[in-house]
Amino acid sequence: VYYCAARTVTYSSALNAATYAHWG
């Protein structure tokens, strides 16, 4: 299952799912 996600912060790594606040 493929998900897109939106990240609103710039800290930490964009590879970490926990830093994405919004998900499809």
PDBML (XML) file of the C-alpha atoms, coordinates in Angstrom:
<?xml version="1.0" encoding="UTF-8" ?>
<PDBx:datablock datablockName="MODEL"
   xmlns:PDBx="http://pdbml.pdb.org/schema/pdbx-v50.xsd"
   xmlns:xsi="http://www.w3.org/2001/XMLSchema-instance"
   xsi:schemaLocation="http://pdbml.pdb.org/schema/pdbx-v50.xsd pdbx-v50.xsd">
   <PDBx:atom_siteCategory>
      <PDBx:atom_site id="1">
         <PDBx:B_iso_or_equiv>0.00</PDBx:B_iso_or_equiv>
         <PDBx:Cartn_x>0.000</PDBx:Cartn_x>
         <PDBx:Cartn_y>0.000</PDBx:Cartn_y>
         <PDBx:Cartn_z>0.000</PDBx:Cartn_z>
         <PDBx:auth_asym_id>A</PDBx:auth_asym_id>
         <PDBx:auth_atom_id>CA</PDBx:auth_atom_id>
         <PDBx:auth_comp_id>VAL</PDBx:auth_comp_id>
         <PDBx:auth_seq_id>1</PDBx:auth_seq_id>
         <PDBx:group_PDB>ATOM</PDBx:group_PDB>
         <PDBx:label_alt_id xsi:nil="true" />
         <PDBx:label_asym_id>A</PDBx:label_asym_id>
         <PDBx:label_atom_id>CA</PDBx:label_atom_id>
         <PDBx:label_comp_id>VAL</PDBx:label_comp_id>
         <PDBx:label_entity_id>1</PDBx:label_entity_id>
         <PDBx:label_seq_id>1</PDBx:label_seq_id>
         <PDBx:occupancy>1.00</PDBx:occupancy>
         <PDBx:pdbx_PDB_model_num>1</PDBx:pdbx_PDB_model_num>
         <PDBx:type_symbol>C</PDBx:type_symbol>
      </PDBx:atom_site>
      <PDBx:atom_site id="2">
         <PDBx:B_iso_or_equiv>0.00</PDBx:B_iso_or_equiv>
         <PDBx:Cartn_x>1.519</PDBx:Cartn_x>
         <PDBx:Cartn_y>3.297</PDBx:Cartn_y>
         <PDBx:Cartn_z>-1.074</PDBx:Cartn_z>
         <PDBx:auth_asym_id>A</PDBx:auth_asym_id>
         <PDBx:auth_atom_id>CA</PDBx:auth_atom_id>
         <PDBx:auth_comp_id>TYR</PDBx:auth_comp_id>
         <PDBx:auth_seq_id>2</PDBx:auth_seq_id>
         <PDBx:group_PDB>ATOM</PDBx:group_PDB>
         <PDBx:label_alt_id xsi:nil="true" />
         <PDBx:label_asym_id>A</PDBx:label_asym_id>
         <PDBx:label_atom_id>CA</PDBx:label_atom_id>
         <PDBx:label_comp_id>TYR</PDBx:label_comp_id>
         <PDBx:label_entity_id>1</PDBx:label_entity_id>
         <PDBx:label_seq_id>2</PDBx:label_seq_id>
         <PDBx:occupancy>1.00</PDBx:occupancy>
         <PDBx:pdbx_PDB_model_num>1</PDBx:pdbx_PDB_model_num>
         <PDBx:type_symbol>C</PDBx:type_symbol>
      </PDBx:atom_site>
      <PDBx:atom_site id="3">
         <PDBx:B_iso_or_equiv>0.00</PDBx:B_iso_or_equiv>
         <PDBx:Cartn_x>0.943</PDBx:Cartn_x>
         <PDBx:Cartn_y>6.429</PDBx:Cartn_y>
         <PDBx:Cartn_z>0.994</PDBx:Cartn_z>
         <PDBx:auth_asym_id>A</PDBx:auth_asym_id>
         <PDBx:auth_atom_id>CA</PDBx:auth_atom_id>
         <PDBx:auth_comp_id>TYR</PDBx:auth_comp_id>
         <PDBx:auth_seq_id>3</PDBx:auth_seq_id>
         <PDBx:group_PDB>ATOM</PDBx:group_PDB>
         <PDBx:label_alt_id xsi:nil="true" />
         <PDBx:label_asym_id>A</PDBx:label_asym_id>
         <PDBx:label_atom_id>CA</PDBx:label_atom_id>
         <PDBx:label_comp_id>TYR</PDBx:label_comp_id>
         <PDBx:label_entity_id>1</PDBx:label_entity_id>
         <PDBx:label_seq_id>3</PDBx:label_seq_id>
         <PDBx:occupancy>1.00</PDBx:occupancy>
         <PDBx:pdbx_PDB_model_num>1</PDBx:pdbx_PDB_model_num>
         <PDBx:type_symbol>C</PDBx:type_symbol>
      </PDBx:atom_site>
      <PDBx:atom_site id="4">
         <PDBx:B_iso_or_equiv>0.00</PDBx:B_iso_or_equiv>
         <PDBx:Cartn_x>1.698</PDBx:Cartn_x>
         <PDBx:Cartn_y>10.055</PDBx:Cartn_y>
         <PDBx:Cartn_z>0.329</PDBx:Cartn_z>
         <PDBx:auth_asym_id>A</PDBx:auth_asym_id>
         <PDBx:auth_atom_id>CA</PDBx:auth_atom_id>
         <PDBx:auth_comp_id>CYS</PDBx:auth_comp_id>
         <PDBx:auth_seq_id>4</PDBx:auth_seq_id>
         <PDBx:group_PDB>ATOM</PDBx:group_PDB>
         <PDBx:label_alt_id xsi:nil="true" />
         <PDBx:label_asym_id>A</PDBx:label_asym_id>
         <PDBx:label_atom_id>CA</PDBx:label_atom_id>
         <PDBx:label_comp_id>CYS</PDBx:label_comp_id>
         <PDBx:label_entity_id>1</PDBx:label_entity_id>
         <PDBx:label_seq_id>4</PDBx:label_seq_id>
         <PDBx:occupancy>1.00</PDBx:occupancy>
         <PDBx:pdbx_PDB_model_num>1</PDBx:pdbx_PDB_model_num>
         <PDBx:type_symbol>C</PDBx:type_symbol>
      </PDBx:atom_site>
      <PDBx:atom_site id="5">
         <PDBx:B_iso_or_equiv>0.00</PDBx:B_iso_or_equiv>
         <PDBx:Cartn_x>2.454</PDBx:Cartn_x>
         <PDBx:Cartn_y>12.287</PDBx:Cartn_y>
         <PDBx:Cartn_z>3.282</PDBx:Cartn_z>
         <PDBx:auth_asym_id>A</PDBx:auth_asym_id>
         <PDBx:auth_atom_id>CA</PDBx:auth_atom_id>
         <PDBx:auth_comp_id>ALA</PDBx:auth_comp_id>
         <PDBx:auth_seq_id>5</PDBx:auth_seq_id>
         <PDBx:group_PDB>ATOM</PDBx:group_PDB>
         <PDBx:label_alt_id xsi:nil="true" />
         <PDBx:label_asym_id>A</PDBx:label_asym_id>
         <PDBx:label_atom_id>CA</PDBx:label_atom_id>
         <PDBx:label_comp_id>ALA</PDBx:label_comp_id>
         <PDBx:label_entity_id>1</PDBx:label_entity_id>
         <PDBx:label_seq_id>5</PDBx:label_seq_id>
         <PDBx:occupancy>1.00</PDBx:occupancy>
         <PDBx:pdbx_PDB_model_num>1</PDBx:pdbx_PDB_model_num>
         <PDBx:type_symbol>C</PDBx:type_symbol>
      </PDBx:atom_site>
      <PDBx:atom_site id="6">
         <PDBx:B_iso_or_equiv>0.00</PDBx:B_iso_or_equiv>
         <PDBx:Cartn_x>2.979</PDBx:Cartn_x>
         <PDBx:Cartn_y>15.994</PDBx:Cartn_y>
         <PDBx:Cartn_z>3.932</PDBx:Cartn_z>
         <PDBx:auth_asym_id>A</PDBx:auth_asym_id>
         <PDBx:auth_atom_id>CA</PDBx:auth_atom_id>
         <PDBx:auth_comp_id>ALA</PDBx:auth_comp_id>
         <PDBx:auth_seq_id>6</PDBx:auth_seq_id>
         <PDBx:group_PDB>ATOM</PDBx:group_PDB>
         <PDBx:label_alt_id xsi:nil="true" />
         <PDBx:label_asym_id>A</PDBx:label_asym_id>
         <PDBx:label_atom_id>CA</PDBx:label_atom_id>
         <PDBx:label_comp_id>ALA</PDBx:label_comp_id>
         <PDBx:label_entity_id>1</PDBx:label_entity_id>
         <PDBx:label_seq_id>6</PDBx:label_seq_id>
         <PDBx:occupancy>1.00</PDBx:occupancy>
         <PDBx:pdbx_PDB_model_num>1</PDBx:pdbx_PDB_model_num>
         <PDBx:type_symbol>C</PDBx:type_symbol>
      </PDBx:atom_site>
      <PDBx:atom_site id="7">
         <PDBx:B_iso_or_equiv>0.00</PDBx:B_iso_or_equiv>
         <PDBx:Cartn_x>5.769</PDBx:Cartn_x>
         <PDBx:Cartn_y>17.267</PDBx:Cartn_y>
         <PDBx:Cartn_z>6.134</PDBx:Cartn_z>
         <PDBx:auth_asym_id>A</PDBx:auth_asym_id>
         <PDBx:auth_atom_id>CA</PDBx:auth_atom_id>
         <PDBx:auth_comp_id>ARG</PDBx:auth_comp_id>
         <PDBx:auth_seq_id>7</PDBx:auth_seq_id>
         <PDBx:group_PDB>ATOM</PDBx:group_PDB>
         <PDBx:label_alt_id xsi:nil="true" />
         <PDBx:label_asym_id>A</PDBx:label_asym_id>
         <PDBx:label_atom_id>CA</PDBx:label_atom_id>
         <PDBx:label_comp_id>ARG</PDBx:label_comp_id>
         <PDBx:label_entity_id>1</PDBx:label_entity_id>
         <PDBx:label_seq_id>7</PDBx:label_seq_id>
         <PDBx:occupancy>1.00</PDBx:occupancy>
         <PDBx:pdbx_PDB_model_num>1</PDBx:pdbx_PDB_model_num>
         <PDBx:type_symbol>C</PDBx:type_symbol>
      </PDBx:atom_site>
      <PDBx:atom_site id="8">
         <PDBx:B_iso_or_equiv>0.00</PDBx:B_iso_or_equiv>
         <PDBx:Cartn_x>5.458</PDBx:Cartn_x>
         <PDBx:Cartn_y>20.748</PDBx:Cartn_y>
         <PDBx:Cartn_z>7.647</PDBx:Cartn_z>
         <PDBx:auth_asym_id>A</PDBx:auth_asym_id>
         <PDBx:auth_atom_id>CA</PDBx:auth_atom_id>
         <PDBx:auth_comp_id>THR</PDBx:auth_comp_id>
         <PDBx:auth_seq_id>8</PDBx:auth_seq_id>
         <PDBx:group_PDB>ATOM</PDBx:group_PDB>
         <PDBx:label_alt_id xsi:nil="true" />
         <PDBx:label_asym_id>A</PDBx:label_asym_id>
         <PDBx:label_atom_id>CA</PDBx:label_atom_id>
         <PDBx:label_comp_id>THR</PDBx:label_comp_id>
         <PDBx:label_entity_id>1</PDBx:label_entity_id>
         <PDBx:label_seq_id>8</PDBx:label_seq_id>
         <PDBx:occupancy>1.00</PDBx:occupancy>
         <PDBx:pdbx_PDB_model_num>1</PDBx:pdbx_PDB_model_num>
         <PDBx:type_symbol>C</PDBx:type_symbol>
      </PDBx:atom_site>
      <PDBx:atom_site id="9">
         <PDBx:B_iso_or_equiv>0.00</PDBx:B_iso_or_equiv>
         <PDBx:Cartn_x>8.682</PDBx:Cartn_x>
         <PDBx:Cartn_y>20.855</PDBx:Cartn_y>
         <PDBx:Cartn_z>9.690</PDBx:Cartn_z>
         <PDBx:auth_asym_id>A</PDBx:auth_asym_id>
         <PDBx:auth_atom_id>CA</PDBx:auth_atom_id>
         <PDBx:auth_comp_id>VAL</PDBx:auth_comp_id>
         <PDBx:auth_seq_id>9</PDBx:auth_seq_id>
         <PDBx:group_PDB>ATOM</PDBx:group_PDB>
         <PDBx:label_alt_id xsi:nil="true" />
         <PDBx:label_asym_id>A</PDBx:label_asym_id>
         <PDBx:label_atom_id>CA</PDBx:label_atom_id>
         <PDBx:label_comp_id>VAL</PDBx:label_comp_id>
         <PDBx:label_entity_id>1</PDBx:label_entity_id>
         <PDBx:label_seq_id>9</PDBx:label_seq_id>
         <PDBx:occupancy>1.00</PDBx:occupancy>
         <PDBx:pdbx_PDB_model_num>1</PDBx:pdbx_PDB_model_num>
         <PDBx:type_symbol>C</PDBx:type_symbol>
      </PDBx:atom_site>
      <PDBx:atom_site id="10">
         <PDBx:B_iso_or_equiv>0.00</PDBx:B_iso_or_equiv>
         <PDBx:Cartn_x>12.296</PDBx:Cartn_x>
         <PDBx:Cartn_y>21.225</PDBx:Cartn_y>
         <PDBx:Cartn_z>8.591</PDBx:Cartn_z>
         <PDBx:auth_asym_id>A</PDBx:auth_asym_id>
         <PDBx:auth_atom_id>CA</PDBx:auth_atom_id>
         <PDBx:auth_comp_id>THR</PDBx:auth_comp_id>
         <PDBx:auth_seq_id>10</PDBx:auth_seq_id>
         <PDBx:group_PDB>ATOM</PDBx:group_PDB>
         <PDBx:label_alt_id xsi:nil="true" />
         <PDBx:label_asym_id>A</PDBx:label_asym_id>
         <PDBx:label_atom_id>CA</PDBx:label_atom_id>
         <PDBx:label_comp_id>THR</PDBx:label_comp_id>
         <PDBx:label_entity_id>1</PDBx:label_entity_id>
         <PDBx:label_seq_id>10</PDBx:label_seq_id>
         <PDBx:occupancy>1.00</PDBx:occupancy>
         <PDBx:pdbx_PDB_model_num>1</PDBx:pdbx_PDB_model_num>
         <PDBx:type_symbol>C</PDBx:type_symbol>
      </PDBx:atom_site>
      <PDBx:atom_site id="11">
         <PDBx:B_iso_or_equiv>0.00</PDBx:B_iso_or_equiv>
         <PDBx:Cartn_x>14.067</PDBx:Cartn_x>
         <PDBx:Cartn_y>19.603</PDBx:Cartn_y>
         <PDBx:Cartn_z>11.529</PDBx:Cartn_z>
         <PDBx:auth_asym_id>A</PDBx:auth_asym_id>
         <PDBx:auth_atom_id>CA</PDBx:auth_atom_id>
         <PDBx:auth_comp_id>TYR</PDBx:auth_comp_id>
         <PDBx:auth_seq_id>11</PDBx:auth_seq_id>
         <PDBx:group_PDB>ATOM</PDBx:group_PDB>
         <PDBx:label_alt_id xsi:nil="true" />
         <PDBx:label_asym_id>A</PDBx:label_asym_id>
         <PDBx:label_atom_id>CA</PDBx:label_atom_id>
         <PDBx:label_comp_id>TYR</PDBx:label_comp_id>
         <PDBx:label_entity_id>1</PDBx:label_entity_id>
         <PDBx:label_seq_id>11</PDBx:label_seq_id>
         <PDBx:occupancy>1.00</PDBx:occupancy>
         <PDBx:pdbx_PDB_model_num>1</PDBx:pdbx_PDB_model_num>
         <PDBx:type_symbol>C</PDBx:type_symbol>
      </PDBx:atom_site>
      <PDBx:atom_site id="12">
         <PDBx:B_iso_or_equiv>0.00</PDBx:B_iso_or_equiv>
         <PDBx:Cartn_x>15.144</PDBx:Cartn_x>
         <PDBx:Cartn_y>15.973</PDBx:Cartn_y>
         <PDBx:Cartn_z>11.699</PDBx:Cartn_z>
         <PDBx:auth_asym_id>A</PDBx:auth_asym_id>
         <PDBx:auth_atom_id>CA</PDBx:auth_atom_id>
         <PDBx:auth_comp_id>SER</PDBx:auth_comp_id>
         <PDBx:auth_seq_id>12</PDBx:auth_seq_id>
         <PDBx:group_PDB>ATOM</PDBx:group_PDB>
         <PDBx:label_alt_id xsi:nil="true" />
         <PDBx:label_asym_id>A</PDBx:label_asym_id>
         <PDBx:label_atom_id>CA</PDBx:label_atom_id>
         <PDBx:label_comp_id>SER</PDBx:label_comp_id>
         <PDBx:label_entity_id>1</PDBx:label_entity_id>
         <PDBx:label_seq_id>12</PDBx:label_seq_id>
         <PDBx:occupancy>1.00</PDBx:occupancy>
         <PDBx:pdbx_PDB_model_num>1</PDBx:pdbx_PDB_model_num>
         <PDBx:type_symbol>C</PDBx:type_symbol>
      </PDBx:atom_site>
      <PDBx:atom_site id="13">
         <PDBx:B_iso_or_equiv>0.00</PDBx:B_iso_or_equiv>
         <PDBx:Cartn_x>15.244</PDBx:Cartn_x>
         <PDBx:Cartn_y>13.781</PDBx:Cartn_y>
         <PDBx:Cartn_z>8.599</PDBx:Cartn_z>
         <PDBx:auth_asym_id>A</PDBx:auth_asym_id>
         <PDBx:auth_atom_id>CA</PDBx:auth_atom_id>
         <PDBx:auth_comp_id>SER</PDBx:auth_comp_id>
         <PDBx:auth_seq_id>13</PDBx:auth_seq_id>
         <PDBx:group_PDB>ATOM</PDBx:group_PDB>
         <PDBx:label_alt_id xsi:nil="true" />
         <PDBx:label_asym_id>A</PDBx:label_asym_id>
         <PDBx:label_atom_id>CA</PDBx:label_atom_id>
         <PDBx:label_comp_id>SER</PDBx:label_comp_id>
         <PDBx:label_entity_id>1</PDBx:label_entity_id>
         <PDBx:label_seq_id>13</PDBx:label_seq_id>
         <PDBx:occupancy>1.00</PDBx:occupancy>
         <PDBx:pdbx_PDB_model_num>1</PDBx:pdbx_PDB_model_num>
         <PDBx:type_symbol>C</PDBx:type_symbol>
      </PDBx:atom_site>
      <PDBx:atom_site id="14">
         <PDBx:B_iso_or_equiv>0.00</PDBx:B_iso_or_equiv>
         <PDBx:Cartn_x>12.610</PDBx:Cartn_x>
         <PDBx:Cartn_y>13.709</PDBx:Cartn_y>
         <PDBx:Cartn_z>5.871</PDBx:Cartn_z>
         <PDBx:auth_asym_id>A</PDBx:auth_asym_id>
         <PDBx:auth_atom_id>CA</PDBx:auth_atom_id>
         <PDBx:auth_comp_id>ALA</PDBx:auth_comp_id>
         <PDBx:auth_seq_id>14</PDBx:auth_seq_id>
         <PDBx:group_PDB>ATOM</PDBx:group_PDB>
         <PDBx:label_alt_id xsi:nil="true" />
         <PDBx:label_asym_id>A</PDBx:label_asym_id>
         <PDBx:label_atom_id>CA</PDBx:label_atom_id>
         <PDBx:label_comp_id>ALA</PDBx:label_comp_id>
         <PDBx:label_entity_id>1</PDBx:label_entity_id>
         <PDBx:label_seq_id>14</PDBx:label_seq_id>
         <PDBx:occupancy>1.00</PDBx:occupancy>
         <PDBx:pdbx_PDB_model_num>1</PDBx:pdbx_PDB_model_num>
         <PDBx:type_symbol>C</PDBx:type_symbol>
      </PDBx:atom_site>
      <PDBx:atom_site id="15">
         <PDBx:B_iso_or_equiv>0.00</PDBx:B_iso_or_equiv>
         <PDBx:Cartn_x>13.193</PDBx:Cartn_x>
         <PDBx:Cartn_y>9.950</PDBx:Cartn_y>
         <PDBx:Cartn_z>5.727</PDBx:Cartn_z>
         <PDBx:auth_asym_id>A</PDBx:auth_asym_id>
         <PDBx:auth_atom_id>CA</PDBx:auth_atom_id>
         <PDBx:auth_comp_id>LEU</PDBx:auth_comp_id>
         <PDBx:auth_seq_id>15</PDBx:auth_seq_id>
         <PDBx:group_PDB>ATOM</PDBx:group_PDB>
         <PDBx:label_alt_id xsi:nil="true" />
         <PDBx:label_asym_id>A</PDBx:label_asym_id>
         <PDBx:label_atom_id>CA</PDBx:label_atom_id>
         <PDBx:label_comp_id>LEU</PDBx:label_comp_id>
         <PDBx:label_entity_id>1</PDBx:label_entity_id>
         <PDBx:label_seq_id>15</PDBx:label_seq_id>
         <PDBx:occupancy>1.00</PDBx:occupancy>
         <PDBx:pdbx_PDB_model_num>1</PDBx:pdbx_PDB_model_num>
         <PDBx:type_symbol>C</PDBx:type_symbol>
      </PDBx:atom_site>
      <PDBx:atom_site id="16">
         <PDBx:B_iso_or_equiv>0.00</PDBx:B_iso_or_equiv>
         <PDBx:Cartn_x>11.448</PDBx:Cartn_x>
         <PDBx:Cartn_y>9.538</PDBx:Cartn_y>
         <PDBx:Cartn_z>9.099</PDBx:Cartn_z>
         <PDBx:auth_asym_id>A</PDBx:auth_asym_id>
         <PDBx:auth_atom_id>CA</PDBx:auth_atom_id>
         <PDBx:auth_comp_id>ASN</PDBx:auth_comp_id>
         <PDBx:auth_seq_id>16</PDBx:auth_seq_id>
         <PDBx:group_PDB>ATOM</PDBx:group_PDB>
         <PDBx:label_alt_id xsi:nil="true" />
         <PDBx:label_asym_id>A</PDBx:label_asym_id>
         <PDBx:label_atom_id>CA</PDBx:label_atom_id>
         <PDBx:label_comp_id>ASN</PDBx:label_comp_id>
         <PDBx:label_entity_id>1</PDBx:label_entity_id>
         <PDBx:label_seq_id>16</PDBx:label_seq_id>
         <PDBx:occupancy>1.00</PDBx:occupancy>
         <PDBx:pdbx_PDB_model_num>1</PDBx:pdbx_PDB_model_num>
         <PDBx:type_symbol>C</PDBx:type_symbol>
      </PDBx:atom_site>
      <PDBx:atom_site id="17">
         <PDBx:B_iso_or_equiv>0.00</PDBx:B_iso_or_equiv>
         <PDBx:Cartn_x>7.722</PDBx:Cartn_x>
         <PDBx:Cartn_y>8.882</PDBx:Cartn_y>
         <PDBx:Cartn_z>8.796</PDBx:Cartn_z>
         <PDBx:auth_asym_id>A</PDBx:auth_asym_id>
         <PDBx:auth_atom_id>CA</PDBx:auth_atom_id>
         <PDBx:auth_comp_id>ALA</PDBx:auth_comp_id>
         <PDBx:auth_seq_id>17</PDBx:auth_seq_id>
         <PDBx:group_PDB>ATOM</PDBx:group_PDB>
         <PDBx:label_alt_id xsi:nil="true" />
         <PDBx:label_asym_id>A</PDBx:label_asym_id>
         <PDBx:label_atom_id>CA</PDBx:label_atom_id>
         <PDBx:label_comp_id>ALA</PDBx:label_comp_id>
         <PDBx:label_entity_id>1</PDBx:label_entity_id>
         <PDBx:label_seq_id>17</PDBx:label_seq_id>
         <PDBx:occupancy>1.00</PDBx:occupancy>
         <PDBx:pdbx_PDB_model_num>1</PDBx:pdbx_PDB_model_num>
         <PDBx:type_symbol>C</PDBx:type_symbol>
      </PDBx:atom_site>
      <PDBx:atom_site id="18">
         <PDBx:B_iso_or_equiv>0.00</PDBx:B_iso_or_equiv>
         <PDBx:Cartn_x>7.143</PDBx:Cartn_x>
         <PDBx:Cartn_y>10.293</PDBx:Cartn_y>
         <PDBx:Cartn_z>12.278</PDBx:Cartn_z>
         <PDBx:auth_asym_id>A</PDBx:auth_asym_id>
         <PDBx:auth_atom_id>CA</PDBx:auth_atom_id>
         <PDBx:auth_comp_id>ALA</PDBx:auth_comp_id>
         <PDBx:auth_seq_id>18</PDBx:auth_seq_id>
         <PDBx:group_PDB>ATOM</PDBx:group_PDB>
         <PDBx:label_alt_id xsi:nil="true" />
         <PDBx:label_asym_id>A</PDBx:label_asym_id>
         <PDBx:label_atom_id>CA</PDBx:label_atom_id>
         <PDBx:label_comp_id>ALA</PDBx:label_comp_id>
         <PDBx:label_entity_id>1</PDBx:label_entity_id>
         <PDBx:label_seq_id>18</PDBx:label_seq_id>
         <PDBx:occupancy>1.00</PDBx:occupancy>
         <PDBx:pdbx_PDB_model_num>1</PDBx:pdbx_PDB_model_num>
         <PDBx:type_symbol>C</PDBx:type_symbol>
      </PDBx:atom_site>
      <PDBx:atom_site id="19">
         <PDBx:B_iso_or_equiv>0.00</PDBx:B_iso_or_equiv>
         <PDBx:Cartn_x>7.994</PDBx:Cartn_x>
         <PDBx:Cartn_y>13.797</PDBx:Cartn_y>
         <PDBx:Cartn_z>11.034</PDBx:Cartn_z>
         <PDBx:auth_asym_id>A</PDBx:auth_asym_id>
         <PDBx:auth_atom_id>CA</PDBx:auth_atom_id>
         <PDBx:auth_comp_id>THR</PDBx:auth_comp_id>
         <PDBx:auth_seq_id>19</PDBx:auth_seq_id>
         <PDBx:group_PDB>ATOM</PDBx:group_PDB>
         <PDBx:label_alt_id xsi:nil="true" />
         <PDBx:label_asym_id>A</PDBx:label_asym_id>
         <PDBx:label_atom_id>CA</PDBx:label_atom_id>
         <PDBx:label_comp_id>THR</PDBx:label_comp_id>
         <PDBx:label_entity_id>1</PDBx:label_entity_id>
         <PDBx:label_seq_id>19</PDBx:label_seq_id>
         <PDBx:occupancy>1.00</PDBx:occupancy>
         <PDBx:pdbx_PDB_model_num>1</PDBx:pdbx_PDB_model_num>
         <PDBx:type_symbol>C</PDBx:type_symbol>
      </PDBx:atom_site>
      <PDBx:atom_site id="20">
         <PDBx:B_iso_or_equiv>0.00</PDBx:B_iso_or_equiv>
         <PDBx:Cartn_x>5.093</PDBx:Cartn_x>
         <PDBx:Cartn_y>13.834</PDBx:Cartn_y>
         <PDBx:Cartn_z>8.545</PDBx:Cartn_z>
         <PDBx:auth_asym_id>A</PDBx:auth_asym_id>
         <PDBx:auth_atom_id>CA</PDBx:auth_atom_id>
         <PDBx:auth_comp_id>TYR</PDBx:auth_comp_id>
         <PDBx:auth_seq_id>20</PDBx:auth_seq_id>
         <PDBx:group_PDB>ATOM</PDBx:group_PDB>
         <PDBx:label_alt_id xsi:nil="true" />
         <PDBx:label_asym_id>A</PDBx:label_asym_id>
         <PDBx:label_atom_id>CA</PDBx:label_atom_id>
         <PDBx:label_comp_id>TYR</PDBx:label_comp_id>
         <PDBx:label_entity_id>1</PDBx:label_entity_id>
         <PDBx:label_seq_id>20</PDBx:label_seq_id>
         <PDBx:occupancy>1.00</PDBx:occupancy>
         <PDBx:pdbx_PDB_model_num>1</PDBx:pdbx_PDB_model_num>
         <PDBx:type_symbol>C</PDBx:type_symbol>
      </PDBx:atom_site>
      <PDBx:atom_site id="21">
         <PDBx:B_iso_or_equiv>0.00</PDBx:B_iso_or_equiv>
         <PDBx:Cartn_x>1.916</PDBx:Cartn_x>
         <PDBx:Cartn_y>15.325</PDBx:Cartn_y>
         <PDBx:Cartn_z>10.007</PDBx:Cartn_z>
         <PDBx:auth_asym_id>A</PDBx:auth_asym_id>
         <PDBx:auth_atom_id>CA</PDBx:auth_atom_id>
         <PDBx:auth_comp_id>ALA</PDBx:auth_comp_id>
         <PDBx:auth_seq_id>21</PDBx:auth_seq_id>
         <PDBx:group_PDB>ATOM</PDBx:group_PDB>
         <PDBx:label_alt_id xsi:nil="true" />
         <PDBx:label_asym_id>A</PDBx:label_asym_id>
         <PDBx:label_atom_id>CA</PDBx:label_atom_id>
         <PDBx:label_comp_id>ALA</PDBx:label_comp_id>
         <PDBx:label_entity_id>1</PDBx:label_entity_id>
         <PDBx:label_seq_id>21</PDBx:label_seq_id>
         <PDBx:occupancy>1.00</PDBx:occupancy>
         <PDBx:pdbx_PDB_model_num>1</PDBx:pdbx_PDB_model_num>
         <PDBx:type_symbol>C</PDBx:type_symbol>
      </PDBx:atom_site>
      <PDBx:atom_site id="22">
         <PDBx:B_iso_or_equiv>0.00</PDBx:B_iso_or_equiv>
         <PDBx:Cartn_x>-0.580</PDBx:Cartn_x>
         <PDBx:Cartn_y>14.492</PDBx:Cartn_y>
         <PDBx:Cartn_z>7.265</PDBx:Cartn_z>
         <PDBx:auth_asym_id>A</PDBx:auth_asym_id>
         <PDBx:auth_atom_id>CA</PDBx:auth_atom_id>
         <PDBx:auth_comp_id>HIS</PDBx:auth_comp_id>
         <PDBx:auth_seq_id>22</PDBx:auth_seq_id>
         <PDBx:group_PDB>ATOM</PDBx:group_PDB>
         <PDBx:label_alt_id xsi:nil="true" />
         <PDBx:label_asym_id>A</PDBx:label_asym_id>
         <PDBx:label_atom_id>CA</PDBx:label_atom_id>
         <PDBx:label_comp_id>HIS</PDBx:label_comp_id>
         <PDBx:label_entity_id>1</PDBx:label_entity_id>
         <PDBx:label_seq_id>22</PDBx:label_seq_id>
         <PDBx:occupancy>1.00</PDBx:occupancy>
         <PDBx:pdbx_PDB_model_num>1</PDBx:pdbx_PDB_model_num>
         <PDBx:type_symbol>C</PDBx:type_symbol>
      </PDBx:atom_site>
      <PDBx:atom_site id="23">
         <PDBx:B_iso_or_equiv>0.00</PDBx:B_iso_or_equiv>
         <PDBx:Cartn_x>-1.215</PDBx:Cartn_x>
         <PDBx:Cartn_y>11.244</PDBx:Cartn_y>
         <PDBx:Cartn_z>5.438</PDBx:Cartn_z>
         <PDBx:auth_asym_id>A</PDBx:auth_asym_id>
         <PDBx:auth_atom_id>CA</PDBx:auth_atom_id>
         <PDBx:auth_comp_id>TRP</PDBx:auth_comp_id>
         <PDBx:auth_seq_id>23</PDBx:auth_seq_id>
         <PDBx:group_PDB>ATOM</PDBx:group_PDB>
         <PDBx:label_alt_id xsi:nil="true" />
         <PDBx:label_asym_id>A</PDBx:label_asym_id>
         <PDBx:label_atom_id>CA</PDBx:label_atom_id>
         <PDBx:label_comp_id>TRP</PDBx:label_comp_id>
         <PDBx:label_entity_id>1</PDBx:label_entity_id>
         <PDBx:label_seq_id>23</PDBx:label_seq_id>
         <PDBx:occupancy>1.00</PDBx:occupancy>
         <PDBx:pdbx_PDB_model_num>1</PDBx:pdbx_PDB_model_num>
         <PDBx:type_symbol>C</PDBx:type_symbol>
      </PDBx:atom_site>
      <PDBx:atom_site id="24">
         <PDBx:B_iso_or_equiv>0.00</PDBx:B_iso_or_equiv>
         <PDBx:Cartn_x>-3.400</PDBx:Cartn_x>
         <PDBx:Cartn_y>9.969</PDBx:Cartn_y>
         <PDBx:Cartn_z>2.654</PDBx:Cartn_z>
         <PDBx:auth_asym_id>A</PDBx:auth_asym_id>
         <PDBx:auth_atom_id>CA</PDBx:auth_atom_id>
         <PDBx:auth_comp_id>GLY</PDBx:auth_comp_id>
         <PDBx:auth_seq_id>24</PDBx:auth_seq_id>
         <PDBx:group_PDB>ATOM</PDBx:group_PDB>
         <PDBx:label_alt_id xsi:nil="true" />
         <PDBx:label_asym_id>A</PDBx:label_asym_id>
         <PDBx:label_atom_id>CA</PDBx:label_atom_id>
         <PDBx:label_comp_id>GLY</PDBx:label_comp_id>
         <PDBx:label_entity_id>1</PDBx:label_entity_id>
         <PDBx:label_seq_id>24</PDBx:label_seq_id>
         <PDBx:occupancy>1.00</PDBx:occupancy>
         <PDBx:pdbx_PDB_model_num>1</PDBx:pdbx_PDB_model_num>
         <PDBx:type_symbol>C</PDBx:type_symbol>
      </PDBx:atom_site>
   </PDBx:atom_siteCategory>
</PDBx:datablock>
